[in-house]
C-alpha atoms as a PDB file:
ATOM      1  CA  UNK A   1     -35.455  -2.268 -20.750  1.00  0.00           C
ATOM      2  CA  UNK A   2     -32.994  -1.376 -17.841  1.00  0.00           C
ATOM      3  CA  UNK A   3     -34.150   1.095 -15.284  1.00  0.00           C
ATOM      4  CA  UNK A   4     -32.867   4.714 -15.598  1.00  0.00           C
ATOM      5  CA  UNK A   5     -30.043   5.282 -13.290  1.00  0.00           C
ATOM      6  CA  UNK A   6     -30.759   7.200 -10.015  1.00  0.00           C
ATOM      7  CA  UNK A   7     -28.246   9.963  -9.679  1.00  0.00           C
ATOM      8  CA  UNK A   8     -27.562  13.056  -7.832  1.00  0.00           C
ATOM      9  CA  UNK A   9     -25.044  15.848  -8.908  1.00  0.00           C
ATOM     10  CA  UNK A  10     -22.178  16.847  -6.520  1.00  0.00           C
ATOM     11  CA  UNK A  11     -23.840  20.293  -5.794  1.00  0.00           C
ATOM     12  CA  UNK A  12     -27.023  18.548  -4.531  1.00  0.00           C
ATOM     13  CA  UNK A  13     -24.986  16.047  -2.713  1.00  0.00           C
ATOM     14  CA  UNK A  14     -23.313  18.628  -0.717  1.00  0.00           C
ATOM     15  CA  UNK A  15     -26.543  20.606   0.111  1.00  0.00           C
ATOM     16  CA  UNK A  16     -28.972  18.028   1.617  1.00  0.00           C
ATOM     17  CA  UNK A  17     -28.369  16.427   4.877  1.00  0.00           C
ATOM     18  CA  UNK A  18     -27.558  12.878   5.046  1.00  0.00           C
ATOM     19  CA  UNK A  19     -27.599  10.700   8.177  1.00  0.00           C
ATOM     20  CA  UNK A  20     -24.205  10.462   9.887  1.00  0.00           C
ATOM     21  CA  UNK A  21     -22.356   7.231   9.999  1.00  0.00           C
ATOM     22  CA  UNK A  22     -23.552   5.208  12.858  1.00  0.00           C
ATOM     23  CA  UNK A  23     -20.731   4.013  15.226  1.00  0.00           C
ATOM     24  CA  UNK A  24     -21.442   0.961  17.467  1.00  0.00           C
ATOM     25  CA  UNK A  25     -18.014   1.537  19.020  1.00  0.00           C
ATOM     26  CA  UNK A  26     -16.722   5.153  18.664  1.00  0.00           C
ATOM     27  CA  UNK A  27     -13.697   5.420  16.274  1.00  0.00           C
ATOM     28  CA  UNK A  28     -13.527   1.715  15.948  1.00  0.00           C
ATOM     29  CA  UNK A  29     -16.649  -0.096  14.747  1.00  0.00           C
ATOM     30  CA  UNK A  30     -18.909   1.854  12.480  1.00  0.00           C
ATOM     31  CA  UNK A  31     -22.007   0.457  10.623  1.00  0.00           C
ATOM     32  CA  UNK A  32     -21.236  -1.679   7.743  1.00  0.00           C
ATOM     33  CA  UNK A  33     -19.365  -5.187   7.339  1.00  0.00           C
ATOM     34  CA  UNK A  34     -16.077  -5.756   9.190  1.00  0.00           C
ATOM     35  CA  UNK A  35     -13.611  -8.925   9.491  1.00  0.00           C
ATOM     36  CA  UNK A  36     -11.815  -9.908  12.672  1.00  0.00           C
ATOM     37  CA  UNK A  37      -9.094 -12.193  11.590  1.00  0.00           C
ATOM     38  CA  UNK A  38      -6.368 -14.075  13.473  1.00  0.00           C
ATOM     39  CA  UNK A  39      -4.724 -17.529  13.838  1.00  0.00           C
ATOM     40  CA  UNK A  40      -6.780 -20.423  15.405  1.00  0.00           C
ATOM     41  CA  UNK A  41      -7.018 -20.380  19.107  1.00  0.00           C
ATOM     42  CA  UNK A  42      -5.361 -17.041  19.482  1.00  0.00           C
ATOM     43  CA  UNK A  43      -8.205 -15.445  21.435  1.00  0.00           C
ATOM     44  CA  UNK A  44     -10.402 -14.066  18.553  1.00  0.00           C
ATOM     45  CA  UNK A  45     -13.544 -15.469  20.178  1.00  0.00           C
ATOM     46  CA  UNK A  46     -12.760 -13.983  23.629  1.00  0.00           C
ATOM     47  CA  UNK A  47     -12.243 -10.667  21.957  1.00  0.00           C
ATOM     48  CA  UNK A  48     -15.638 -10.961  20.083  1.00  0.00           C
ATOM     49  CA  UNK A  49     -17.499 -11.834  23.153  1.00  0.00           C
ATOM     50  CA  UNK A  50     -15.957  -9.118  25.233  1.00  0.00           C
ATOM     51  CA  UNK A  51     -17.024  -6.689  22.403  1.00  0.00           C
ATOM     52  CA  UNK A  52     -20.495  -8.045  22.374  1.00  0.00           C
ATOM     53  CA  UNK A  53     -20.743  -7.485  26.075  1.00  0.00           C
ATOM     54  CA  UNK A  54     -19.652  -3.984  26.048  1.00  0.00           C
ATOM     55  CA  UNK A  55     -21.913  -2.974  23.224  1.00  0.00           C
ATOM     56  CA  UNK A  56     -25.051  -4.850  24.921  1.00  0.00           C
ATOM     57  CA  UNK A  57     -24.181  -3.012  28.280  1.00  0.00           C
ATOM     58  CA  UNK A  58     -23.207   0.247  26.742  1.00  0.00           C
ATOM     59  CA  UNK A  59     -19.858   0.149  28.386  1.00  0.00           C
ATOM     60  CA  UNK A  60     -16.662   1.330  26.857  1.00  0.00           C
ATOM     61  CA  UNK A  61     -14.287  -1.151  25.065  1.00  0.00           C
ATOM     62  CA  UNK A  62     -10.896   0.145  26.433  1.00  0.00           C
ATOM     63  CA  UNK A  63     -11.151   3.945  25.723  1.00  0.00           C
ATOM     64  CA  UNK A  64     -13.690   3.548  23.046  1.00  0.00           C
ATOM     65  CA  UNK A  65     -17.343   4.483  24.027  1.00  0.00           C
ATOM     66  CA  UNK A  66     -19.870   1.925  22.852  1.00  0.00           C
ATOM     67  CA  UNK A  67     -23.661   2.656  21.806  1.00  0.00           C
ATOM     68  CA  UNK A  68     -25.758   0.576  23.897  1.00  0.00           C
ATOM     69  CA  UNK A  69     -28.050  -1.705  21.749  1.00  0.00           C
ATOM     70  CA  UNK A  70     -29.165  -5.309  21.263  1.00  0.00           C
ATOM     71  CA  UNK A  71     -26.417  -7.802  20.029  1.00  0.00           C
ATOM     72  CA  UNK A  72     -26.949 -11.168  18.058  1.00  0.00           C
ATOM     73  CA  UNK A  73     -23.761 -13.618  18.534  1.00  0.00           C
ATOM     74  CA  UNK A  74     -23.761 -16.436  16.175  1.00  0.00           C
ATOM     75  CA  UNK A  75     -21.189 -18.658  17.947  1.00  0.00           C
ATOM     76  CA  UNK A  76     -21.218 -21.547  15.295  1.00  0.00           C
ATOM     77  CA  UNK A  77     -18.168 -23.410  16.593  1.00  0.00           C
ATOM     78  CA  UNK A  78     -19.255 -23.488  20.143  1.00  0.00           C
ATOM     79  CA  UNK A  79     -21.815 -25.243  22.423  1.00  0.00           C
ATOM     80  CA  UNK A  80     -24.142 -23.282  24.778  1.00  0.00           C
ATOM     81  CA  UNK A  81     -22.121 -24.961  27.652  1.00  0.00           C
ATOM     82  CA  UNK A  82     -18.955 -23.263  26.288  1.00  0.00           C
ATOM     83  CA  UNK A  83     -20.448 -20.015  25.954  1.00  0.00           C
ATOM     84  CA  UNK A  84     -22.096 -20.000  29.427  1.00  0.00           C
ATOM     85  CA  UNK A  85     -18.511 -20.746  30.990  1.00  0.00           C
ATOM     86  CA  UNK A  86     -16.997 -17.898  28.858  1.00  0.00           C
ATOM     87  CA  UNK A  87     -19.670 -15.515  30.055  1.00  0.00           C
ATOM     88  CA  UNK A  88     -19.063 -16.419  33.622  1.00  0.00           C
ATOM     89  CA  UNK A  89     -15.464 -15.883  33.190  1.00  0.00           C
ATOM     90  CA  UNK A  90     -15.992 -12.356  31.921  1.00  0.00           C
ATOM     91  CA  UNK A  91     -19.052 -11.273  33.953  1.00  0.00           C
ATOM     92  CA  UNK A  92     -21.694 -12.143  36.381  1.00  0.00           C
ATOM     93  CA  UNK A  93     -24.060  -9.525  35.080  1.00  0.00           C
ATOM     94  CA  UNK A  94     -24.953 -10.676  31.449  1.00  0.00           C
ATOM     95  CA  UNK A  95     -27.662  -8.435  29.929  1.00  0.00           C
ATOM     96  CA  UNK A  96     -30.653  -9.841  28.132  1.00  0.00           C
ATOM     97  CA  UNK A  97     -29.839  -7.670  25.171  1.00  0.00           C
ATOM     98  CA  UNK A  98     -27.166 -10.222  24.203  1.00  0.00           C
ATOM     99  CA  UNK A  99     -28.468 -13.087  22.204  1.00  0.00           C
ATOM    100  CA  UNK A 100     -26.802 -16.199  21.108  1.00  0.00           C
ATOM    101  CA  UNK A 101     -27.360 -18.868  18.506  1.00  0.00           C
ATOM    102  CA  UNK A 102     -25.067 -21.952  17.853  1.00  0.00           C
ATOM    103  CA  UNK A 103     -26.929 -23.109  14.606  1.00  0.00           C
ATOM    104  CA  UNK A 104     -27.778 -20.919  11.641  1.00  0.00           C
ATOM    105  CA  UNK A 105     -28.478 -21.371   7.817  1.00  0.00           C
ATOM    106  CA  UNK A 106     -25.718 -20.852   5.200  1.00  0.00           C
ATOM    107  CA  UNK A 107     -25.429 -17.837   3.201  1.00  0.00           C
ATOM    108  CA  UNK A 108     -27.819 -17.558   0.128  1.00  0.00           C
ATOM    109  CA  UNK A 109     -29.726 -20.635   1.987  1.00  0.00           C
ATOM    110  CA  UNK A 110     -31.511 -18.678   4.461  1.00  0.00           C
ATOM    111  CA  UNK A 111     -29.126 -16.942   6.722  1.00  0.00           C
ATOM    112  CA  UNK A 112     -29.927 -13.456   5.354  1.00  0.00           C
ATOM    113  CA  UNK A 113     -33.536 -14.226   6.297  1.00  0.00           C
ATOM    114  CA  UNK A 114     -32.866 -15.555   9.644  1.00  0.00           C
ATOM    115  CA  UNK A 115     -30.939 -12.350  10.388  1.00  0.00           C
ATOM    116  CA  UNK A 116     -33.631 -10.070   9.187  1.00  0.00           C
ATOM    117  CA  UNK A 117     -36.267 -12.011  11.123  1.00  0.00           C
ATOM    118  CA  UNK A 118     -34.117 -11.409  14.256  1.00  0.00           C
ATOM    119  CA  UNK A 119     -33.936  -7.730  13.394  1.00  0.00           C
ATOM    120  CA  UNK A 120     -37.512  -7.343  12.967  1.00  0.00           C
ATOM    121  CA  UNK A 121     -38.165  -9.022  16.455  1.00  0.00           C
ATOM    122  CA  UNK A 122     -35.338  -7.005  18.027  1.00  0.00           C
ATOM    123  CA  UNK A 123     -35.362  -3.590  16.224  1.00  0.00           C
ATOM    124  CA  UNK A 124     -32.911  -1.968  18.464  1.00  0.00           C
ATOM    125  CA  UNK A 125     -30.071  -4.418  17.283  1.00  0.00           C
ATOM    126  CA  UNK A 126     -26.854  -2.729  16.322  1.00  0.00           C
ATOM    127  CA  UNK A 127     -24.414  -5.408  15.974  1.00  0.00           C
ATOM    128  CA  UNK A 128     -24.292  -9.017  14.574  1.00  0.00           C
ATOM    129  CA  UNK A 129     -21.192 -11.201  15.028  1.00  0.00           C
ATOM    130  CA  UNK A 130     -20.836 -14.369  12.924  1.00  0.00           C
ATOM    131  CA  UNK A 131     -18.141 -16.704  14.397  1.00  0.00           C
ATOM    132  CA  UNK A 132     -16.926 -17.968  11.998  1.00  0.00           C
ATOM    133  CA  UNK A 133     -17.410 -16.876   8.377  1.00  0.00           C
ATOM    134  CA  UNK A 134     -16.397 -20.130   7.102  1.00  0.00           C
ATOM    135  CA  UNK A 135     -19.323 -21.939   9.049  1.00  0.00           C
ATOM    136  CA  UNK A 136     -21.960 -20.039   7.022  1.00  0.00           C
ATOM    137  CA  UNK A 137     -20.243 -20.306   3.446  1.00  0.00           C
ATOM    138  CA  UNK A 138     -21.349 -23.069   0.988  1.00  0.00           C
ATOM    139  CA  UNK A 139     -19.002 -24.711  -1.493  1.00  0.00           C
ATOM    140  CA  UNK A 140     -19.576 -22.092  -4.088  1.00  0.00           C
ATOM    141  CA  UNK A 141     -17.988 -22.324  -7.762  1.00  0.00           C
ATOM    142  CA  UNK A 142     -14.594 -23.833  -7.443  1.00  0.00           C
ATOM    143  CA  UNK A 143     -13.527 -22.221 -10.636  1.00  0.00           C
ATOM    144  CA  UNK A 144     -13.713 -18.730  -9.464  1.00  0.00           C
ATOM    145  CA  UNK A 145     -12.888 -18.234  -5.936  1.00  0.00           C
ATOM    146  CA  UNK A 146     -12.692 -14.420  -6.178  1.00  0.00           C
ATOM    147  CA  UNK A 147     -16.199 -14.223  -7.554  1.00  0.00           C
ATOM    148  CA  UNK A 148     -17.445 -16.533  -4.629  1.00  0.00           C
ATOM    149  CA  UNK A 149     -15.633 -14.512  -1.900  1.00  0.00           C
ATOM    150  CA  UNK A 150     -16.984 -11.218  -3.435  1.00  0.00           C
ATOM    151  CA  UNK A 151     -20.635 -12.715  -3.613  1.00  0.00           C
ATOM    152  CA  UNK A 152     -20.641 -13.939  -0.087  1.00  0.00           C
ATOM    153  CA  UNK A 153     -19.231 -10.634   1.317  1.00  0.00           C
ATOM    154  CA  UNK A 154     -21.507  -8.561  -0.751  1.00  0.00           C
ATOM    155  CA  UNK A 155     -24.550 -10.134   0.445  1.00  0.00           C
ATOM    156  CA  UNK A 156     -23.501  -9.557   4.042  1.00  0.00           C
ATOM    157  CA  UNK A 157     -22.522  -6.061   3.279  1.00  0.00           C
ATOM    158  CA  UNK A 158     -25.876  -5.338   1.693  1.00  0.00           C
ATOM    159  CA  UNK A 159     -27.651  -6.553   4.758  1.00  0.00           C
ATOM    160  CA  UNK A 160     -25.482  -4.377   7.012  1.00  0.00           C
ATOM    161  CA  UNK A 161     -26.069  -1.307   4.808  1.00  0.00           C
ATOM    162  CA  UNK A 162     -29.793  -1.847   4.634  1.00  0.00           C
ATOM    163  CA  UNK A 163     -30.422  -1.882   8.329  1.00  0.00           C
ATOM    164  CA  UNK A 164     -27.503   0.522   9.352  1.00  0.00           C
ATOM    165  CA  UNK A 165     -26.086  -2.057  11.452  1.00  0.00           C
ATOM    166  CA  UNK A 166     -22.514  -3.539  12.015  1.00  0.00           C
ATOM    167  CA  UNK A 167     -21.822  -7.206  11.136  1.00  0.00           C
ATOM    168  CA  UNK A 168     -18.519  -8.464  12.331  1.00  0.00           C
ATOM    169  CA  UNK A 169     -17.097 -11.698  10.651  1.00  0.00           C
ATOM    170  CA  UNK A 170     -14.577 -13.681  12.654  1.00  0.00           C
ATOM    171  CA  UNK A 171     -12.080 -15.366  10.285  1.00  0.00           C
ATOM    172  CA  UNK A 172      -8.874 -16.952   9.840  1.00  0.00           C
ATOM    173  CA  UNK A 173      -5.581 -15.720   8.581  1.00  0.00           C
ATOM    174  CA  UNK A 174      -3.303 -17.683   6.072  1.00  0.00           C
ATOM    175  CA  UNK A 175      -0.036 -19.384   7.165  1.00  0.00           C
ATOM    176  CA  UNK A 176       1.917 -17.491   4.522  1.00  0.00           C
ATOM    177  CA  UNK A 177       3.594 -14.424   6.267  1.00  0.00           C
ATOM    178  CA  UNK A 178       3.444 -10.988   4.851  1.00  0.00           C
ATOM    179  CA  UNK A 179       4.644  -7.622   5.854  1.00  0.00           C
ATOM    180  CA  UNK A 180       1.176  -6.234   5.498  1.00  0.00           C
ATOM    181  CA  UNK A 181      -1.066  -7.985   8.311  1.00  0.00           C
ATOM    182  CA  UNK A 182      -4.161  -7.274   6.022  1.00  0.00           C
ATOM    183  CA  UNK A 183      -2.615  -9.499   3.244  1.00  0.00           C
ATOM    184  CA  UNK A 184      -2.784 -12.421   5.665  1.00  0.00           C
ATOM    185  CA  UNK A 185      -6.701 -12.478   5.808  1.00  0.00           C
ATOM    186  CA  UNK A 186      -7.573 -15.909   4.445  1.00  0.00           C
ATOM    187  CA  UNK A 187      -9.220 -15.967   0.977  1.00  0.00           C
ATOM    188  CA  UNK A 188      -9.082 -13.669  -2.177  1.00  0.00           C
ATOM    189  CA  UNK A 189      -9.129  -9.829  -2.182  1.00  0.00           C
ATOM    190  CA  UNK A 190     -12.840 -10.433  -2.762  1.00  0.00           C
ATOM    191  CA  UNK A 191     -13.056 -10.779   1.101  1.00  0.00           C
ATOM    192  CA  UNK A 192     -10.528  -8.178   2.451  1.00  0.00           C
ATOM    193  CA  UNK A 193     -11.365  -5.612  -0.270  1.00  0.00           C
ATOM    194  CA  UNK A 194     -15.077  -5.741  -0.053  1.00  0.00           C
ATOM    195  CA  UNK A 195     -15.451  -5.215   3.678  1.00  0.00           C
ATOM    196  CA  UNK A 196     -15.629  -1.766   5.338  1.00  0.00           C
ATOM    197  CA  UNK A 197     -13.184  -2.524   8.125  1.00  0.00           C
ATOM    198  CA  UNK A 198     -10.585  -5.059   8.651  1.00  0.00           C
ATOM    199  CA  UNK A 199      -9.257  -6.085  12.009  1.00  0.00           C
ATOM    200  CA  UNK A 200      -6.083  -8.573  12.309  1.00  0.00           C
ATOM    201  CA  UNK A 201      -5.080  -9.850  15.524  1.00  0.00           C
ATOM    202  CA  UNK A 202      -1.464 -11.242  15.548  1.00  0.00           C
ATOM    203  CA  UNK A 203       1.102 -12.380  18.014  1.00  0.00           C
ATOM    204  CA  UNK A 204       4.847 -12.432  17.446  1.00  0.00           C
ATOM    205  CA  UNK A 205       4.824 -15.764  19.300  1.00  0.00           C
ATOM    206  CA  UNK A 206       2.050 -18.078  20.296  1.00  0.00           C
ATOM    207  CA  UNK A 207       3.347 -18.504  23.765  1.00  0.00           C
ATOM    208  CA  UNK A 208       3.412 -14.846  24.516  1.00  0.00           C
ATOM    209  CA  UNK A 209       0.227 -13.093  26.001  1.00  0.00           C
ATOM    210  CA  UNK A 210       0.740  -9.902  23.958  1.00  0.00           C
ATOM    211  CA  UNK A 211      -0.551  -9.340  20.527  1.00  0.00           C
ATOM    212  CA  UNK A 212      -1.347  -6.308  18.089  1.00  0.00           C
ATOM    213  CA  UNK A 213      -4.640  -5.581  16.705  1.00  0.00           C
ATOM    214  CA  UNK A 214      -4.190  -4.054  13.304  1.00  0.00           C
ATOM    215  CA  UNK A 215      -7.246  -1.818  12.321  1.00  0.00           C
ATOM    216  CA  UNK A 216      -7.898  -0.233   9.048  1.00  0.00           C
ATOM    217  CA  UNK A 217     -11.082   0.737   7.280  1.00  0.00           C
ATOM    218  CA  UNK A 218     -13.018   3.127   5.098  1.00  0.00           C
ATOM    219  CA  UNK A 219     -14.605   5.132   8.106  1.00  0.00           C
ATOM    220  CA  UNK A 220     -11.948   4.825  10.850  1.00  0.00           C
ATOM    221  CA  UNK A 221      -8.342   5.986  11.286  1.00  0.00           C
ATOM    222  CA  UNK A 222      -5.555   3.302  10.736  1.00  0.00           C
ATOM    223  CA  UNK A 223      -4.370   2.265  14.261  1.00  0.00           C
ATOM    224  CA  UNK A 224      -2.499  -0.458  16.016  1.00  0.00           C
ATOM    225  CA  UNK A 225      -3.682  -1.485  19.419  1.00  0.00           C
ATOM    226  CA  UNK A 226      -1.189  -3.384  21.514  1.00  0.00           C
ATOM    227  CA  UNK A 227      -3.076  -5.873  23.719  1.00  0.00           C
ATOM    228  CA  UNK A 228      -2.341  -8.316  26.477  1.00  0.00           C
ATOM    229  CA  UNK A 229      -4.601 -11.218  27.273  1.00  0.00           C
ATOM    230  CA  UNK A 230      -5.317 -11.785  30.948  1.00  0.00           C
ATOM    231  CA  UNK A 231      -5.067 -15.429  31.650  1.00  0.00           C
ATOM    232  CA  UNK A 232      -7.233 -15.061  34.839  1.00  0.00           C
ATOM    233  CA  UNK A 233      -9.773 -12.480  33.504  1.00  0.00           C
ATOM    234  CA  UNK A 234      -9.767 -13.693  29.962  1.00  0.00           C
ATOM    235  CA  UNK A 235      -9.995  -9.961  28.774  1.00  0.00           C
ATOM    236  CA  UNK A 236      -7.640  -8.315  26.372  1.00  0.00           C
ATOM    237  CA  UNK A 237      -6.306  -5.283  28.136  1.00  0.00           C
ATOM    238  CA  UNK A 238      -5.130  -2.273  25.875  1.00  0.00           C
ATOM    239  CA  UNK A 239      -1.448  -1.510  26.502  1.00  0.00           C
ATOM    240  CA  UNK A 240      -1.069   1.180  23.866  1.00  0.00           C
ATOM    241  CA  UNK A 241      -2.455   2.812  20.816  1.00  0.00           C
ATOM    242  CA  UNK A 242      -0.454   4.323  18.112  1.00  0.00           C
ATOM    243  CA  UNK A 243      -3.220   6.316  16.269  1.00  0.00           C
ATOM    244  CA  UNK A 244      -2.721   9.917  16.026  1.00  0.00           C
ATOM    245  CA  UNK A 245      -5.366  12.252  17.695  1.00  0.00           C
ATOM    246  CA  UNK A 246      -8.415  12.277  15.441  1.00  0.00           C
ATOM    247  CA  UNK A 247      -9.595  15.856  14.313  1.00  0.00           C
ATOM    248  CA  UNK A 248     -12.544  16.536  16.411  1.00  0.00           C
ATOM    249  CA  UNK A 249     -14.436  19.509  17.682  1.00  0.00           C
ATOM    250  CA  UNK A 250     -12.479  20.513  20.749  1.00  0.00           C
ATOM    251  CA  UNK A 251     -14.168  21.813  24.011  1.00  0.00           C
ATOM    252  CA  UNK A 252     -13.511  25.314  23.246  1.00  0.00           C
ATOM    253  CA  UNK A 253     -15.286  25.051  19.913  1.00  0.00           C
ATOM    254  CA  UNK A 254     -18.168  23.312  21.305  1.00  0.00           C
ATOM    255  CA  UNK A 255     -18.303  25.976  23.972  1.00  0.00           C
ATOM    256  CA  UNK A 256     -18.247  28.865  21.518  1.00  0.00           C
ATOM    257  CA  UNK A 257     -21.104  27.363  19.254  1.00  0.00           C
ATOM    258  CA  UNK A 258     -23.076  26.498  22.578  1.00  0.00           C
ATOM    259  CA  UNK A 259     -22.622  30.254  23.655  1.00  0.00           C
ATOM    260  CA  UNK A 260     -23.842  31.447  20.274  1.00  0.00           C
ATOM    261  CA  UNK A 261     -26.862  29.271  20.331  1.00  0.00           C
ATOM    262  CA  UNK A 262     -27.843  30.329  23.832  1.00  0.00           C
ATOM    263  CA  UNK A 263     -28.216  33.837  22.562  1.00  0.00           C
ATOM    264  CA  UNK A 264     -30.370  32.846  19.447  1.00  0.00           C
ATOM    265  CA  UNK A 265     -32.055  29.408  18.995  1.00  0.00           C
ATOM    266  CA  UNK A 266     -30.531  29.124  15.402  1.00  0.00           C
ATOM    267  CA  UNK A 267     -28.377  30.677  12.785  1.00  0.00           C
ATOM    268  CA  UNK A 268     -27.534  30.262   9.092  1.00  0.00           C
ATOM    269  CA  UNK A 269     -24.339  31.801   7.898  1.00  0.00           C
ATOM    270  CA  UNK A 270     -21.158  31.111   5.832  1.00  0.00           C
ATOM    271  CA  UNK A 271     -18.186  29.801   7.390  1.00  0.00           C
ATOM    272  CA  UNK A 272     -16.440  33.125   7.448  1.00  0.00           C
ATOM    273  CA  UNK A 273     -19.473  35.013   8.902  1.00  0.00           C
ATOM    274  CA  UNK A 274     -19.777  32.304  11.554  1.00  0.00           C
ATOM    275  CA  UNK A 275     -16.143  32.521  12.444  1.00  0.00           C
ATOM    276  CA  UNK A 276     -16.232  36.295  12.969  1.00  0.00           C
ATOM    277  CA  UNK A 277     -19.183  35.894  15.224  1.00  0.00           C
ATOM    278  CA  UNK A 278     -17.828  33.133  17.441  1.00  0.00           C
ATOM    279  CA  UNK A 279     -14.308  34.134  17.405  1.00  0.00           C
ATOM    280  CA  UNK A 280     -13.860  37.875  16.327  1.00  0.00           C
ATOM    281  CA  UNK A 281     -10.300  38.235  17.466  1.00  0.00           C
ATOM    282  CA  UNK A 282      -9.221  34.825  15.838  1.00  0.00           C
ATOM    283  CA  UNK A 283      -8.077  33.742  19.437  1.00  0.00           C
ATOM    284  CA  UNK A 284      -8.734  30.117  18.282  1.00  0.00           C
ATOM    285  CA  UNK A 285      -6.471  30.345  15.163  1.00  0.00           C
ATOM    286  CA  UNK A 286      -9.209  28.843  12.986  1.00  0.00           C
ATOM    287  CA  UNK A 287      -9.820  29.568   9.327  1.00  0.00           C
ATOM    288  CA  UNK A 288     -13.150  29.290   7.719  1.00  0.00           C
ATOM    289  CA  UNK A 289     -12.074  26.099   5.796  1.00  0.00           C
ATOM    290  CA  UNK A 290     -10.828  24.373   8.880  1.00  0.00           C
ATOM    291  CA  UNK A 291     -14.169  25.468  10.956  1.00  0.00           C
ATOM    292  CA  UNK A 292     -16.452  24.193   8.040  1.00  0.00           C
ATOM    293  CA  UNK A 293     -14.327  21.023   7.860  1.00  0.00           C
ATOM    294  CA  UNK A 294     -14.557  20.357  11.628  1.00  0.00           C
ATOM    295  CA  UNK A 295     -18.245  20.947  11.769  1.00  0.00           C
ATOM    296  CA  UNK A 296     -18.970  18.694   8.683  1.00  0.00           C
ATOM    297  CA  UNK A 297     -16.751  15.874  10.116  1.00  0.00           C
ATOM    298  CA  UNK A 298     -18.547  15.959  13.506  1.00  0.00           C
ATOM    299  CA  UNK A 299     -22.250  16.467  12.760  1.00  0.00           C
ATOM    300  CA  UNK A 300     -23.094  13.534  15.011  1.00  0.00           C
ATOM    301  CA  UNK A 301     -20.780  14.510  17.984  1.00  0.00           C
ATOM    302  CA  UNK A 302     -22.220  17.961  17.738  1.00  0.00           C
ATOM    303  CA  UNK A 303     -25.887  16.586  17.698  1.00  0.00           C
ATOM    304  CA  UNK A 304     -25.086  14.633  20.864  1.00  0.00           C
ATOM    305  CA  UNK A 305     -24.081  17.869  22.406  1.00  0.00           C
ATOM    306  CA  UNK A 306     -27.298  19.640  21.609  1.00  0.00           C
ATOM    307  CA  UNK A 307     -26.288  21.283  18.411  1.00  0.00           C
ATOM    308  CA  UNK A 308     -28.086  20.236  15.200  1.00  0.00           C
ATOM    309  CA  UNK A 309     -26.226  20.893  11.798  1.00  0.00           C
ATOM    310  CA  UNK A 310     -27.377  21.147   8.410  1.00  0.00           C
ATOM    311  CA  UNK A 311     -25.922  22.611   5.247  1.00  0.00           C
ATOM    312  CA  UNK A 312     -27.453  24.603   2.172  1.00  0.00           C
ATOM    313  CA  UNK A 313     -26.635  26.903  -0.522  1.00  0.00           C
ATOM    314  CA  UNK A 314     -28.339  30.333  -0.863  1.00  0.00           C
ATOM    315  CA  UNK A 315     -27.388  32.903  -3.513  1.00  0.00           C
ATOM    316  CA  UNK A 316     -24.191  31.203  -4.512  1.00  0.00           C
ATOM    317  CA  UNK A 317     -23.071  30.917  -0.845  1.00  0.00           C
ATOM    318  CA  UNK A 318     -22.545  27.716   1.110  1.00  0.00           C
ATOM    319  CA  UNK A 319     -24.276  28.182   4.471  1.00  0.00           C
ATOM    320  CA  UNK A 320     -23.731  26.409   7.783  1.00  0.00           C
ATOM    321  CA  UNK A 321     -27.130  26.010   9.666  1.00  0.00           C
ATOM    322  CA  UNK A 322     -26.806  25.664  13.237  1.00  0.00           C
ATOM    323  CA  UNK A 323     -29.826  25.002  15.621  1.00  0.00           C
ATOM    324  CA  UNK A 324     -30.225  24.480  19.287  1.00  0.00           C
ATOM    325  CA  UNK A 325     -31.735  20.873  19.746  1.00  0.00           C
ATOM    326  CA  UNK A 326     -34.337  22.086  22.592  1.00  0.00           C
ATOM    327  CA  UNK A 327     -35.921  24.652  20.318  1.00  0.00           C
ATOM    328  CA  UNK A 328     -38.221  24.132  17.329  1.00  0.00           C
ATOM    329  CA  UNK A 329     -37.543  27.197  15.183  1.00  0.00           C
ATOM    330  CA  UNK A 330     -38.240  27.209  11.594  1.00  0.00           C
ATOM    331  CA  UNK A 331     -36.251  29.251   9.260  1.00  0.00           C
ATOM    332  CA  UNK A 332     -38.324  31.004   6.774  1.00  0.00           C
ATOM    333  CA  UNK A 333     -35.885  33.013   4.838  1.00  0.00           C
ATOM    334  CA  UNK A 334     -36.864  33.344   1.113  1.00  0.00           C
ATOM    335  CA  UNK A 335     -34.967  31.262  -1.441  1.00  0.00           C
ATOM    336  CA  UNK A 336     -33.141  29.275   1.219  1.00  0.00           C
ATOM    337  CA  UNK A 337     -35.256  26.071   1.257  1.00  0.00           C
ATOM    338  CA  UNK A 338     -33.109  23.018   1.763  1.00  0.00           C
ATOM    339  CA  UNK A 339     -33.060  20.500  -0.997  1.00  0.00           C
ATOM    340  CA  UNK A 340     -35.448  17.565  -0.610  1.00  0.00           C
ATOM    341  CA  UNK A 341     -33.426  14.360  -0.909  1.00  0.00           C
ATOM    342  CA  UNK A 342     -36.406  12.305  -2.134  1.00  0.00           C
ATOM    343  CA  UNK A 343     -37.308  14.803  -4.985  1.00  0.00           C
ATOM    344  CA  UNK A 344     -33.555  14.770  -6.101  1.00  0.00           C
ATOM    345  CA  UNK A 345     -33.113  11.051  -6.115  1.00  0.00           C
ATOM    346  CA  UNK A 346     -36.286  10.673  -8.022  1.00  0.00           C
ATOM    347  CA  UNK A 347     -36.004  13.202 -10.729  1.00  0.00           C
END
């Protein structure tokens, strides 16, 4: 008999804290499965290697901050000699947290277990790059290419989600042109539709040094990054970014919340009450809904600034709970205990 579905209702989902999405590169590369697609010899591998170096060193990629962690780069179309030459072209200070392999098993034939073994040995790993996707795919069932694509992508996505890491697949685009760059990703929609983020690197002419990196995904804003490849540096330089500014907690809001928590180590209040406390004259022009939305969208950013956030419901009211990260103060108000996610999920 099939197991009972494990469910959670909407009210409970809004009430208990969930870990924020982990970004390996802020605003650009979150946890999950991602595709970097482009024409052959366009510079995808140079971009992938640069990305790996930035993450392993904890240095920004263009204007995007990177979370420092270990990186595994499966460069399956290269030799160690070629990778060493590329590294020397990019840096003379390669970190020991960036690991390479030029041989790996195929999907459903041991690759997943190899990656999990590496993660066990290097638990601080946050990024795995597979260059290229086609190198780790088997022949599959020729009668159903969509099912094959979805199965392969699904296996890698499950691996990324299980370990909360980013897996980036370097892939090719089809020769057939399209007005939508995402439609040019090689394969069926089982590939482009099942990933969390798709990046397509395209030139208007192969002889040009400029290209556009089209970025779209479930957890990032759509953006087009205009890049230029340096023939001497082998680095893709950012020329422009067309993305509108992403809604973030601005400096003034952080200042207001920090000032509040300097006076008291924690507070639980509705958005309306909280707004009256931190901005009694409405000088910032915020509404309760806007304040609540900004706080919810930026739990991770606030945490990095020493403000821990959680949410709960008490007596029919939705409360925002703020707590200074350097204090261990426990809220003991009656009837306001936060929901236990484990209890909810195993009812």
